[in-house]
């Protein structure tokens, strides 16, 4: 997921869903809700990246399954 970590984006719902699914999730983004999002992580397969290069972002998109 690539998004600003702000309330209306509802990144929290995605994190909660992936906690329950026990599936890998990479969240790329930053914002005022970053600390709250990090605290929601209950699954060791959920990773946070604050910023990535354009090349790395293309690699992440290329490897995404959804």
PDB file of N, CA and C in Angstrom:
ATOM      1  N   UNK A   1       0.837  -1.157   0.000  1.00  0.00           N
ATOM      2  CA  UNK A   1       0.000   0.000   0.000  1.00  0.00           C
ATOM      3  C   UNK A   1       0.890   1.231   0.000  1.00  0.00           C
ATOM      4  N   UNK A   2       0.572   2.178  -0.862  1.00  0.00           N
ATOM      5  CA  UNK A   2       1.293   3.449  -0.911  1.00  0.00           C
ATOM      6  C   UNK A   2       0.274   4.538  -0.634  1.00  0.00           C
ATOM      7  N   UNK A   3       0.493   5.279   0.444  1.00  0.00           N
ATOM      8  CA  UNK A   3      -0.508   6.273   0.838  1.00  0.00           C
ATOM      9  C   UNK A   3       0.060   7.232   1.868  1.00  0.00           C
ATOM     10  N   UNK A   4      -0.534   8.404   1.913  1.00  0.00           N
ATOM     11  CA  UNK A   4      -0.280   9.308   3.027  1.00  0.00           C
ATOM     12  C   UNK A   4      -0.977   8.713   4.246  1.00  0.00           C
ATOM     13  N   UNK A   5      -0.345   8.771   5.382  1.00  0.00           N
ATOM     14  CA  UNK A   5      -0.935   8.213   6.596  1.00  0.00           C
ATOM     15  C   UNK A   5      -1.738   9.304   7.297  1.00  0.00           C
ATOM     16  N   UNK A   6      -2.922   9.540   6.740  1.00  0.00           N
ATOM     17  CA  UNK A   6      -3.852  10.554   7.231  1.00  0.00           C
ATOM     18  C   UNK A   6      -5.213   9.889   7.463  1.00  0.00           C
ATOM     19  N   UNK A   7      -6.050  10.478   8.314  1.00  0.00           N
ATOM     20  CA  UNK A   7      -7.288   9.810   8.711  1.00  0.00           C
ATOM     21  C   UNK A   7      -8.196   9.356   7.568  1.00  0.00           C
ATOM     22  N   UNK A   8      -8.438  10.205   6.567  1.00  0.00           N
ATOM     23  CA  UNK A   8      -9.425   9.846   5.564  1.00  0.00           C
ATOM     24  C   UNK A   8      -8.982   8.712   4.631  1.00  0.00           C
ATOM     25  N   UNK A   9      -7.721   8.361   4.630  1.00  0.00           N
ATOM     26  CA  UNK A   9      -7.236   7.252   3.802  1.00  0.00           C
ATOM     27  C   UNK A   9      -7.553   5.884   4.406  1.00  0.00           C
ATOM     28  N   UNK A  10      -7.860   5.849   5.705  1.00  0.00           N
ATOM     29  CA  UNK A  10      -8.262   4.640   6.428  1.00  0.00           C
ATOM     30  C   UNK A  10      -7.246   3.502   6.315  1.00  0.00           C
ATOM     31  N   UNK A  11      -5.980   3.854   6.406  1.00  0.00           N
ATOM     32  CA  UNK A  11      -4.906   2.866   6.396  1.00  0.00           C
ATOM     33  C   UNK A  11      -5.076   1.901   7.572  1.00  0.00           C
ATOM     34  N   UNK A  12      -5.672   2.395   8.640  1.00  0.00           N
ATOM     35  CA  UNK A  12      -5.907   1.548   9.812  1.00  0.00           C
ATOM     36  C   UNK A  12      -6.741   0.320   9.468  1.00  0.00           C
ATOM     37  N   UNK A  13      -7.729   0.463   8.582  1.00  0.00           N
ATOM     38  CA  UNK A  13      -8.559  -0.678   8.187  1.00  0.00           C
ATOM     39  C   UNK A  13      -7.747  -1.734   7.442  1.00  0.00           C
ATOM     40  N   UNK A  14      -6.847  -1.282   6.610  1.00  0.00           N
ATOM     41  CA  UNK A  14      -5.998  -2.216   5.863  1.00  0.00           C
ATOM     42  C   UNK A  14      -5.074  -2.966   6.829  1.00  0.00           C
ATOM     43  N   UNK A  15      -4.477  -2.249   7.766  1.00  0.00           N
ATOM     44  CA  UNK A  15      -3.583  -2.884   8.736  1.00  0.00           C
ATOM     45  C   UNK A  15      -4.344  -3.907   9.565  1.00  0.00           C
ATOM     46  N   UNK A  16      -5.528  -3.546  10.037  1.00  0.00           N
ATOM     47  CA  UNK A  16      -6.337  -4.482  10.826  1.00  0.00           C
ATOM     48  C   UNK A  16      -6.695  -5.722  10.009  1.00  0.00           C
ATOM     49  N   UNK A  17      -7.028  -5.537   8.746  1.00  0.00           N
ATOM     50  CA  UNK A  17      -7.363  -6.680   7.888  1.00  0.00           C
ATOM     51  C   UNK A  17      -6.164  -7.603   7.726  1.00  0.00           C
ATOM     52  N   UNK A  18      -4.991  -7.040   7.513  1.00  0.00           N
ATOM     53  CA  UNK A  18      -3.799  -7.867   7.328  1.00  0.00           C
ATOM     54  C   UNK A  18      -3.335  -8.497   8.637  1.00  0.00           C
ATOM     55  N   UNK A  19      -3.637  -7.877   9.764  1.00  0.00           N
ATOM     56  CA  UNK A  19      -3.377  -8.531  11.049  1.00  0.00           C
ATOM     57  C   UNK A  19      -4.173  -9.821  11.138  1.00  0.00           C
ATOM     58  N   UNK A  20      -5.424  -9.773  10.728  1.00  0.00           N
ATOM     59  CA  UNK A  20      -6.300 -10.940  10.805  1.00  0.00           C
ATOM     60  C   UNK A  20      -5.951 -11.990   9.752  1.00  0.00           C
ATOM     61  N   UNK A  21      -5.486 -11.542   8.590  1.00  0.00           N
ATOM     62  CA  UNK A  21      -5.175 -12.465   7.495  1.00  0.00           C
ATOM     63  C   UNK A  21      -3.835 -13.162   7.643  1.00  0.00           C
ATOM     64  N   UNK A  22      -2.952 -12.607   8.452  1.00  0.00           N
ATOM     65  CA  UNK A  22      -1.602 -13.142   8.586  1.00  0.00           C
ATOM     66  C   UNK A  22      -0.908 -13.198   7.229  1.00  0.00           C
ATOM     67  N   UNK A  23      -1.061 -12.105   6.451  1.00  0.00           N
ATOM     68  CA  UNK A  23      -0.440 -11.982   5.132  1.00  0.00           C
ATOM     69  C   UNK A  23       0.531 -10.814   5.144  1.00  0.00           C
ATOM     70  N   UNK A  24       1.454 -10.818   4.191  1.00  0.00           N
ATOM     71  CA  UNK A  24       2.464  -9.764   4.106  1.00  0.00           C
ATOM     72  C   UNK A  24       1.841  -8.471   3.576  1.00  0.00           C
ATOM     73  N   UNK A  25       2.204  -7.370   4.214  1.00  0.00           N
ATOM     74  CA  UNK A  25       1.769  -6.035   3.793  1.00  0.00           C
ATOM     75  C   UNK A  25       2.943  -5.092   3.940  1.00  0.00           C
ATOM     76  N   UNK A  26       3.186  -4.313   2.911  1.00  0.00           N
ATOM     77  CA  UNK A  26       4.195  -3.258   2.973  1.00  0.00           C
ATOM     78  C   UNK A  26       3.452  -1.932   2.819  1.00  0.00           C
ATOM     79  N   UNK A  27       3.578  -1.070   3.810  1.00  0.00           N
ATOM     80  CA  UNK A  27       2.948   0.245   3.775  1.00  0.00           C
ATOM     81  C   UNK A  27       4.038   1.266   3.499  1.00  0.00           C
ATOM     82  N   UNK A  28       3.903   1.988   2.391  1.00  0.00           N
ATOM     83  CA  UNK A  28       4.864   3.032   2.038  1.00  0.00           C
ATOM     84  C   UNK A  28       4.161   4.366   2.206  1.00  0.00           C
ATOM     85  N   UNK A  29       4.694   5.196   3.075  1.00  0.00           N
ATOM     86  CA  UNK A  29       4.103   6.511   3.272  1.00  0.00           C
ATOM     87  C   UNK A  29       4.440   7.069   4.639  1.00  0.00           C
ATOM     88  N   UNK A  30       4.070   8.319   4.814  1.00  0.00           N
ATOM     89  CA  UNK A  30       4.290   8.977   6.099  1.00  0.00           C
ATOM     90  C   UNK A  30       3.133   9.932   6.332  1.00  0.00           C
ATOM     91  N   UNK A  31       3.067  10.439   7.528  1.00  0.00           N
ATOM     92  CA  UNK A  31       2.009  11.376   7.859  1.00  0.00           C
ATOM     93  C   UNK A  31       1.769  11.397   9.347  1.00  0.00           C
ATOM     94  N   UNK A  32       0.803  12.194   9.765  1.00  0.00           N
ATOM     95  CA  UNK A  32       0.564  12.371  11.192  1.00  0.00           C
ATOM     96  C   UNK A  32       0.094  11.102  11.906  1.00  0.00           C
ATOM     97  N   UNK A  33      -0.466  10.138  11.187  1.00  0.00           N
ATOM     98  CA  UNK A  33      -0.946   8.909  11.825  1.00  0.00           C
ATOM     99  C   UNK A  33       0.093   7.789  11.833  1.00  0.00           C
ATOM    100  N   UNK A  34       1.305   8.065  11.398  1.00  0.00           N
ATOM    101  CA  UNK A  34       2.330   7.014  11.340  1.00  0.00           C
ATOM    102  C   UNK A  34       2.517   6.307  12.683  1.00  0.00           C
ATOM    103  N   UNK A  35       2.715   7.013  13.791  1.00  0.00           N
ATOM    104  CA  UNK A  35       2.897   6.299  15.062  1.00  0.00           C
ATOM    105  C   UNK A  35       1.689   5.428  15.432  1.00  0.00           C
ATOM    106  N   UNK A  36       0.488   5.922  15.183  1.00  0.00           N
ATOM    107  CA  UNK A  36      -0.715   5.144  15.492  1.00  0.00           C
ATOM    108  C   UNK A  36      -0.792   3.898  14.615  1.00  0.00           C
ATOM    109  N   UNK A  37      -0.420   4.030  13.348  1.00  0.00           N
ATOM    110  CA  UNK A  37      -0.430   2.878  12.433  1.00  0.00           C
ATOM    111  C   UNK A  37       0.594   1.837  12.879  1.00  0.00           C
ATOM    112  N   UNK A  38       1.755   2.290  13.297  1.00  0.00           N
ATOM    113  CA  UNK A  38       2.793   1.350  13.751  1.00  0.00           C
ATOM    114  C   UNK A  38       2.294   0.560  14.957  1.00  0.00           C
ATOM    115  N   UNK A  39       1.563   1.217  15.838  1.00  0.00           N
ATOM    116  CA  UNK A  39       1.050   0.542  17.042  1.00  0.00           C
ATOM    117  C   UNK A  39      -0.018  -0.494  16.712  1.00  0.00           C
ATOM    118  N   UNK A  40      -0.700  -0.337  15.579  1.00  0.00           N
ATOM    119  CA  UNK A  40      -1.743  -1.292  15.183  1.00  0.00           C
ATOM    120  C   UNK A  40      -1.165  -2.615  14.707  1.00  0.00           C
ATOM    121  N   UNK A  41       0.095  -2.613  14.342  1.00  0.00           N
ATOM    122  CA  UNK A  41       0.743  -3.809  13.786  1.00  0.00           C
ATOM    123  C   UNK A  41       0.796  -4.925  14.822  1.00  0.00           C
ATOM    124  N   UNK A  42       0.145  -6.041  14.489  1.00  0.00           N
ATOM    125  CA  UNK A  42       0.167  -7.225  15.354  1.00  0.00           C
ATOM    126  C   UNK A  42       0.784  -8.418  14.629  1.00  0.00           C
ATOM    127  N   UNK A  43       1.085  -8.231  13.379  1.00  0.00           N
ATOM    128  CA  UNK A  43       1.564  -9.287  12.500  1.00  0.00           C
ATOM    129  C   UNK A  43       2.991  -8.949  12.079  1.00  0.00           C
ATOM    130  N   UNK A  44       3.910  -9.877  12.245  1.00  0.00           N
ATOM    131  CA  UNK A  44       5.312  -9.623  11.891  1.00  0.00           C
ATOM    132  C   UNK A  44       5.527  -9.523  10.392  1.00  0.00           C
ATOM    133  N   UNK A  45       4.494  -9.769   9.597  1.00  0.00           N
ATOM    134  CA  UNK A  45       4.588  -9.669   8.148  1.00  0.00           C
ATOM    135  C   UNK A  45       4.159  -8.296   7.635  1.00  0.00           C
ATOM    136  N   UNK A  46       3.918  -7.357   8.536  1.00  0.00           N
ATOM    137  CA  UNK A  46       3.545  -5.998   8.160  1.00  0.00           C
ATOM    138  C   UNK A  46       4.764  -5.099   8.346  1.00  0.00           C
ATOM    139  N   UNK A  47       5.127  -4.410   7.274  1.00  0.00           N
ATOM    140  CA  UNK A  47       6.321  -3.565   7.264  1.00  0.00           C
ATOM    141  C   UNK A  47       5.944  -2.142   6.877  1.00  0.00           C
ATOM    142  N   UNK A  48       6.676  -1.168   7.412  1.00  0.00           N
ATOM    143  CA  UNK A  48       6.452   0.239   7.107  1.00  0.00           C
ATOM    144  C   UNK A  48       7.720   0.842   6.513  1.00  0.00           C
ATOM    145  N   UNK A  49       7.565   1.557   5.421  1.00  0.00           N
ATOM    146  CA  UNK A  49       8.654   2.293   4.787  1.00  0.00           C
ATOM    147  C   UNK A  49       8.194   3.737   4.644  1.00  0.00           C
ATOM    148  N   UNK A  50       8.937   4.664   5.200  1.00  0.00           N
ATOM    149  CA  UNK A  50       8.503   6.063   5.146  1.00  0.00           C
ATOM    150  C   UNK A  50       8.696   6.682   3.773  1.00  0.00           C
ATOM    151  N   UNK A  51       9.789   6.389   3.150  1.00  0.00           N
ATOM    152  CA  UNK A  51      10.011   6.925   1.811  1.00  0.00           C
ATOM    153  C   UNK A  51      10.907   5.956   1.043  1.00  0.00           C
ATOM    154  N   UNK A  52      10.680   5.879  -0.241  1.00  0.00           N
ATOM    155  CA  UNK A  52      11.482   5.013  -1.099  1.00  0.00           C
ATOM    156  C   UNK A  52      11.782   5.753  -2.391  1.00  0.00           C
ATOM    157  N   UNK A  53      12.811   5.322  -3.070  1.00  0.00           N
ATOM    158  CA  UNK A  53      13.148   5.925  -4.353  1.00  0.00           C
ATOM    159  C   UNK A  53      12.111   5.510  -5.395  1.00  0.00           C
ATOM    160  N   UNK A  54      12.083   6.213  -6.497  1.00  0.00           N
ATOM    161  CA  UNK A  54      11.167   5.849  -7.582  1.00  0.00           C
ATOM    162  C   UNK A  54      11.459   4.444  -8.092  1.00  0.00           C
ATOM    163  N   UNK A  55      12.726   4.093  -8.156  1.00  0.00           N
ATOM    164  CA  UNK A  55      13.112   2.756  -8.612  1.00  0.00           C
ATOM    165  C   UNK A  55      12.585   1.692  -7.660  1.00  0.00           C
ATOM    166  N   UNK A  56      12.760   1.905  -6.364  1.00  0.00           N
ATOM    167  CA  UNK A  56      12.275   0.941  -5.363  1.00  0.00           C
ATOM    168  C   UNK A  56      10.747   0.853  -5.393  1.00  0.00           C
ATOM    169  N   UNK A  57      10.077   1.973  -5.589  1.00  0.00           N
ATOM    170  CA  UNK A  57       8.622   1.971  -5.651  1.00  0.00           C
ATOM    171  C   UNK A  57       8.144   1.149  -6.846  1.00  0.00           C
ATOM    172  N   UNK A  58       8.803   1.295  -7.982  1.00  0.00           N
ATOM    173  CA  UNK A  58       8.452   0.467  -9.150  1.00  0.00           C
ATOM    174  C   UNK A  58       8.652  -1.009  -8.861  1.00  0.00           C
ATOM    175  N   UNK A  59       9.727  -1.340  -8.151  1.00  0.00           N
ATOM    176  CA  UNK A  59       9.981  -2.747  -7.788  1.00  0.00           C
ATOM    177  C   UNK A  59       8.875  -3.283  -6.871  1.00  0.00           C
ATOM    178  N   UNK A  60       8.460  -2.455  -5.920  1.00  0.00           N
ATOM    179  CA  UNK A  60       7.393  -2.871  -5.002  1.00  0.00           C
ATOM    180  C   UNK A  60       6.077  -3.092  -5.750  1.00  0.00           C
ATOM    181  N   UNK A  61       5.751  -2.163  -6.656  1.00  0.00           N
ATOM    182  CA  UNK A  61       4.532  -2.325  -7.454  1.00  0.00           C
ATOM    183  C   UNK A  61       4.616  -3.574  -8.334  1.00  0.00           C
ATOM    184  N   UNK A  62       5.778  -3.810  -8.913  1.00  0.00           N
ATOM    185  CA  UNK A  62       5.949  -4.973  -9.784  1.00  0.00           C
ATOM    186  C   UNK A  62       5.780  -6.290  -9.029  1.00  0.00           C
ATOM    187  N   UNK A  63       6.151  -6.294  -7.762  1.00  0.00           N
ATOM    188  CA  UNK A  63       6.049  -7.512  -6.960  1.00  0.00           C
ATOM    189  C   UNK A  63       4.732  -7.653  -6.207  1.00  0.00           C
ATOM    190  N   UNK A  64       3.863  -6.672  -6.332  1.00  0.00           N
ATOM    191  CA  UNK A  64       2.585  -6.702  -5.600  1.00  0.00           C
ATOM    192  C   UNK A  64       1.652  -7.741  -6.192  1.00  0.00           C
ATOM    193  N   UNK A  65       0.853  -8.352  -5.334  1.00  0.00           N
ATOM    194  CA  UNK A  65      -0.104  -9.356  -5.785  1.00  0.00           C
ATOM    195  C   UNK A  65      -1.523  -8.813  -5.838  1.00  0.00           C
ATOM    196  N   UNK A  66      -1.733  -7.645  -5.338  1.00  0.00           N
ATOM    197  CA  UNK A  66      -3.091  -7.058  -5.369  1.00  0.00           C
ATOM    198  C   UNK A  66      -3.003  -5.571  -5.590  1.00  0.00           C
TER     199      UNK A  66
END
